[in-house]
């Protein structure tokens, strides 16, 4: 990918190594994958036909990559992404406060 980008630089448009380094950093920064943020958890939804276990695993894969999570927010995001079913009703009714409690209900 870097070679393709380098080959596409118009001849005579880079006047110094510093100029080249700045352009390269801008290119790499634009393509850099950003780590997940707490708000990203609220975008995770249980898919049609996806089991609770599959959804829980997918949700946890993202949540372990996020630092400084508050348990209540994680549970809120998890429950918000669940499809309505007896399990989600149980979580709301019992007011679970941590993912450990969610797994205990599971």
Foldseek 3Di string as FASTA:
>chain_A
DVVVVVVPDDPPPDDDVVSVVVVVVVVVVVVDDDQDELVVLLVQAQDVPHDPVNSVVVSVVNVVRYPPDAFQSSVVSSLNRYDDDVLSVVCVVVVDRGVVVSVVSD
